[in-house]
Protein backbone atom coordinates (compact mmCIF):
# COMPACT_ATOMS: atom_id res chain seq x y z
CA UNK A 1 82.67 114.41 88.82
CA UNK A 2 83.63 112.85 85.46
CA UNK A 3 87.26 112.57 86.61
CA UNK A 4 86.34 110.50 89.70
CA UNK A 5 83.77 108.46 87.75
CA UNK A 6 86.27 107.59 85.03
CA UNK A 7 88.76 106.37 87.63
CA UNK A 8 86.07 104.19 89.22
CA UNK A 9 85.14 102.69 85.86
CA UNK A 10 88.82 102.01 85.16
CA UNK A 11 89.08 100.07 88.42
CA UNK A 12 86.01 97.96 87.69
CA UNK A 13 87.28 97.25 84.16
CA UNK A 14 90.44 95.54 85.44
CA UNK A 15 90.29 91.88 84.33
CA UNK A 16 91.40 90.42 87.67
CA UNK A 17 88.72 92.45 89.42
CA UNK A 18 86.15 90.88 87.09
CA UNK A 19 87.54 87.40 87.78
CA UNK A 20 87.32 87.98 91.53
CA UNK A 21 83.77 89.33 91.23
CA UNK A 22 82.71 86.23 89.29
CA UNK A 23 84.25 83.89 91.85
CA UNK A 24 82.83 85.80 94.82
CA UNK A 25 79.41 85.75 93.17
CA UNK A 26 79.70 81.99 92.64
CA UNK A 27 80.29 81.55 96.36
CA UNK A 28 77.45 83.80 97.46
CA UNK A 29 74.71 82.74 95.07
CA UNK A 30 72.46 79.87 96.15
CA UNK A 31 71.30 78.65 92.77
CA UNK A 32 73.45 75.59 91.98
CA UNK A 33 73.30 76.08 88.21
CA UNK A 34 74.43 79.70 88.35
CA UNK A 35 77.02 78.91 91.02
CA UNK A 36 78.71 76.52 88.59
CA UNK A 37 78.32 78.88 85.62
CA UNK A 38 79.86 81.82 87.44
CA UNK A 39 82.76 79.72 88.70
CA UNK A 40 83.49 78.40 85.21
CA UNK A 41 83.15 81.90 83.74
CA UNK A 42 85.76 83.19 86.20
CA UNK A 43 88.14 80.34 85.37
CA UNK A 44 87.62 80.78 81.62
CA UNK A 45 88.24 84.52 81.83
CA UNK A 46 91.43 83.94 83.83
CA UNK A 47 92.73 81.46 81.24
CA UNK A 48 91.98 83.88 78.38
CA UNK A 49 93.59 86.96 79.93
CA UNK A 50 96.71 85.02 80.94
CA UNK A 51 97.23 83.49 77.49
CA UNK A 52 100.10 85.27 75.77
CA UNK A 53 99.05 84.44 72.21
CA UNK A 54 95.42 85.61 72.58
CA UNK A 55 96.54 88.75 74.37
CA UNK A 56 99.05 89.65 71.68
CA UNK A 57 96.52 89.07 68.90
CA UNK A 58 94.06 91.46 70.56
CA UNK A 59 96.79 94.08 71.03
CA UNK A 60 97.82 93.74 67.36
CA UNK A 61 94.24 94.39 66.29
CA UNK A 62 93.84 97.42 68.56
CA UNK A 63 97.13 99.30 68.17
CA UNK A 64 97.94 101.37 65.05
CA UNK A 65 101.07 100.18 63.28
CA UNK A 66 104.45 101.76 63.91
CA UNK A 67 105.82 104.26 61.40
CA UNK A 68 109.54 103.89 60.53
CA UNK A 69 111.41 107.18 60.80
CA UNK A 70 112.67 106.89 57.22
CA UNK A 71 109.08 106.83 55.97
CA UNK A 72 108.26 110.20 57.54
CA UNK A 73 108.86 112.65 54.71
CA UNK A 74 107.13 115.65 56.28
CA UNK A 75 108.71 118.07 58.76
CA UNK A 76 106.63 119.39 61.68
CA UNK A 77 106.97 122.59 63.61
CA UNK A 78 105.78 120.96 66.81
CA UNK A 79 105.55 117.52 68.40
CA UNK A 80 102.75 117.22 70.99
CA UNK A 81 103.92 114.77 73.64
CA UNK A 82 101.16 113.47 75.93
CA UNK A 83 102.11 112.66 79.51
CA UNK A 84 101.18 109.65 81.64
CA UNK A 85 104.61 108.03 81.92
CA UNK A 86 106.04 109.11 85.30
CA UNK A 87 105.43 107.98 88.88
CA UNK A 88 104.09 110.59 91.25
CA UNK A 89 105.37 111.59 94.69
CA UNK A 90 108.35 109.22 94.76
CA UNK A 91 111.21 109.86 97.16
CA UNK A 92 113.79 111.26 97.05
CA UNK A 93 112.18 113.93 94.88
CA UNK A 94 115.41 115.17 93.32
CA UNK A 95 114.97 113.01 90.20
CA UNK A 96 112.35 111.84 87.69
CA UNK A 97 110.81 108.37 87.97
CA UNK A 98 109.61 106.83 84.70
CA UNK A 99 107.21 103.92 84.42
CA UNK A 100 106.00 102.04 81.33
CA UNK A 101 105.52 104.47 78.49
CA UNK A 102 108.93 106.12 78.66
CA UNK A 103 109.15 105.44 74.91
CA UNK A 104 106.88 108.46 74.50
CA UNK A 105 109.74 110.62 75.76
CA UNK A 106 112.68 108.85 74.12
CA UNK A 107 110.98 108.56 70.73
CA UNK A 108 109.94 112.20 70.88
CA UNK A 109 113.57 113.03 71.56
CA UNK A 110 114.60 110.96 68.55
CA UNK A 111 112.05 112.76 66.35
CA UNK A 112 113.55 116.04 67.54
CA UNK A 113 117.17 114.95 66.98
CA UNK A 114 116.32 113.70 63.49
CA UNK A 115 114.82 117.09 62.63
CA UNK A 116 111.33 115.70 62.07
CA UNK A 117 109.93 118.05 64.72
CA UNK A 118 111.34 121.50 65.48
CA UNK A 119 109.90 121.98 68.97
CA UNK A 120 108.20 119.86 71.65
CA UNK A 121 105.00 120.65 73.51
CA UNK A 122 104.56 118.52 76.65
CA UNK A 123 100.90 118.34 77.62
CA UNK A 124 99.48 117.02 80.90
CA UNK A 125 99.26 117.91 84.56
CA UNK A 126 98.20 115.04 86.78
CA UNK A 127 95.81 112.20 86.08
CA UNK A 128 96.05 110.97 89.66
CA UNK A 129 93.33 111.25 92.29
CA UNK A 130 96.02 112.32 94.77
CA UNK A 131 97.85 115.63 94.57
CA UNK A 132 101.26 115.60 92.88
CA UNK A 133 104.07 117.69 94.28
CA UNK A 134 105.05 118.55 90.69
CA UNK A 135 103.06 118.46 87.48
CA UNK A 136 104.10 115.73 85.10
CA UNK A 137 104.67 118.01 82.11
CA UNK A 138 107.21 119.98 84.17
CA UNK A 139 109.06 116.77 85.10
CA UNK A 140 109.21 115.57 81.50
CA UNK A 141 110.36 119.00 80.33
CA UNK A 142 113.20 118.78 82.84
CA UNK A 143 114.10 115.32 81.54
CA UNK A 144 114.17 116.57 77.95
CA UNK A 145 116.43 119.42 79.01
CA UNK A 146 118.81 116.92 80.61
CA UNK A 147 118.76 115.00 77.32
CA UNK A 148 119.98 118.05 75.46
CA UNK A 149 116.83 119.78 74.22
CA UNK A 150 117.17 123.58 74.65
CA UNK A 151 114.58 125.14 76.97
CA UNK A 152 113.38 127.50 74.22
CA UNK A 153 112.40 124.45 72.13
CA UNK A 154 110.10 123.11 74.86
CA UNK A 155 106.54 124.33 75.46
CA UNK A 156 104.55 123.22 78.52
CA UNK A 157 100.85 122.71 79.18
CA UNK A 158 100.63 121.44 82.75
CA UNK A 159 97.05 122.02 83.94
CA UNK A 160 94.98 119.29 82.27
CA UNK A 161 93.97 115.98 83.86
CA UNK A 162 92.87 113.90 80.89
CA UNK A 163 93.26 113.62 77.12
CA UNK A 164 90.18 115.62 76.21
CA UNK A 165 91.21 118.52 78.45
CA UNK A 166 94.65 118.32 76.84
CA UNK A 167 93.17 118.65 73.35
CA UNK A 168 91.13 121.70 74.32
CA UNK A 169 94.06 123.39 76.11
CA UNK A 170 96.57 122.63 73.34
CA UNK A 171 94.28 124.06 70.67
CA UNK A 172 93.82 127.24 72.73
CA UNK A 173 97.60 127.55 73.11
CA UNK A 174 98.50 126.95 69.48
CA UNK A 175 95.71 128.22 67.24
CA UNK A 176 97.13 131.75 66.86
CA UNK A 177 100.60 130.65 65.72
CA UNK A 178 100.21 127.09 64.43
CA UNK A 179 97.91 124.97 62.31
CA UNK A 180 96.97 121.32 62.96
CA UNK A 181 99.05 120.34 59.92
CA UNK A 182 102.12 121.79 61.69
CA UNK A 183 101.77 119.36 64.60
CA UNK A 184 102.52 115.70 65.27
CA UNK A 185 100.64 114.00 68.12
CA UNK A 186 102.82 111.52 70.03
CA UNK A 187 101.50 108.93 72.48
CA UNK A 188 101.39 105.20 73.23
CA UNK A 189 99.91 102.95 70.56
CA UNK A 190 97.13 101.63 72.82
CA UNK A 191 96.16 105.23 73.69
CA UNK A 192 96.34 106.70 70.18
CA UNK A 193 92.77 105.95 69.04
CA UNK A 194 91.26 107.88 71.97
CA UNK A 195 93.86 110.65 71.75
CA UNK A 196 93.33 111.19 68.04
CA UNK A 197 89.55 111.19 68.53
CA UNK A 198 89.81 113.81 71.28
CA UNK A 199 91.98 116.10 69.18
CA UNK A 200 89.67 115.74 66.18
CA UNK A 201 86.66 116.52 68.39
CA UNK A 202 88.45 119.59 69.74
CA UNK A 203 89.10 120.79 66.18
CA UNK A 204 92.82 120.06 66.07
CA UNK A 205 93.19 117.03 63.71
CA UNK A 206 96.97 116.71 63.54
CA UNK A 207 99.06 113.79 62.26
CA UNK A 208 100.03 111.04 64.69
CA UNK A 209 103.09 109.06 65.74
CA UNK A 210 102.61 105.92 67.83
CA UNK A 211 105.10 104.41 70.25
CA UNK A 212 105.24 102.25 73.40
CA UNK A 213 103.62 99.19 71.86
CA UNK A 214 101.94 96.44 73.89
CA UNK A 215 101.93 94.07 70.91
CA UNK A 216 104.99 92.33 69.55
CA UNK A 217 105.85 90.01 66.69
CA UNK A 218 103.48 87.05 66.40
CA UNK A 219 104.92 83.74 67.64
CA UNK A 220 103.57 80.17 67.66
CA UNK A 221 105.94 78.58 70.18
CA UNK A 222 104.53 76.31 72.95
CA UNK A 223 105.35 78.77 75.74
CA UNK A 224 103.36 81.51 73.98
CA UNK A 225 100.43 79.28 73.08
CA UNK A 226 100.05 77.30 76.29
CA UNK A 227 101.81 78.73 79.35
CA UNK A 228 99.95 81.43 81.33
CA UNK A 229 101.88 84.70 81.75
CA UNK A 230 101.45 87.50 84.27
CA UNK A 231 102.54 89.98 81.59
CA UNK A 232 99.47 89.04 79.53
CA UNK A 233 97.19 90.01 82.43
CA UNK A 234 98.98 93.36 82.66
CA UNK A 235 98.40 94.02 78.97
CA UNK A 236 94.71 93.14 79.29
CA UNK A 237 94.46 95.53 82.22
CA UNK A 238 95.86 98.35 80.10
CA UNK A 239 93.60 97.54 77.14
CA UNK A 240 90.41 97.18 79.18
CA UNK A 241 91.04 100.44 81.01
CA UNK A 242 91.56 102.13 77.66
CA UNK A 243 88.33 100.65 76.28
CA UNK A 244 86.47 101.77 79.40
CA UNK A 245 87.91 105.23 78.84
CA UNK A 246 86.69 105.20 75.23
CA UNK A 247 83.17 104.32 76.38
CA UNK A 248 83.18 107.01 79.08
CA UNK A 249 84.48 109.61 76.62
CA UNK A 250 81.85 108.63 74.05
CA UNK A 251 78.99 109.01 76.53
CA UNK A 252 80.42 112.34 77.70
CA UNK A 253 80.70 113.70 74.16
CA UNK A 254 84.49 113.98 74.34
CA UNK A 255 84.96 111.92 71.16
């Protein structure tokens, strides 16, 4: 029930959905004052979410800062790579299809090649409402193997559907042979706050490594300050879905 509810909340939290709801409400309502207010609210929201500078400032405030590799002095026995970066049920099915977030995989590989992590645990089954032909953790494990990581250095948890379930399952898998201090949690910067909170709640408070950043270097050029961008709307969609997820997790006791 929570799984379906969380997906519904994510849909309603999309900024363009909110803009459309405001405009539709402004057309349906009879009160002239509220008709104008709702119409202006929809226009104002659209201008805000399409502004590149405002969007980037919000992302900078939300995302934890990147950690340069040369500043990581500790070695970890295991890197916990969270899934959510591949497309499901694409054809032909003889290959792996990555979407935004592939940095989770490539940066995990770099951590492994640099000797910062000894092994990789890929955690995540399917977060989709539709059935996947293959679990995402299995697909990413195959990709890591193609990239040169030996199979005996890859662990797989492929049954969970969300971050909280991942934290519970990973702890159950690792607690007999590992300690939280042995592990490095790897996920996208926008997703790290919720991920870290879930793992702490589950009793597995490991260190973190952020990647796949929405924010970039601050700029004050006219195109950034004034010209609406579709990419800004996409970033707001990601952030608002993440915030909705944080709220749902908080009410459910997951964090």
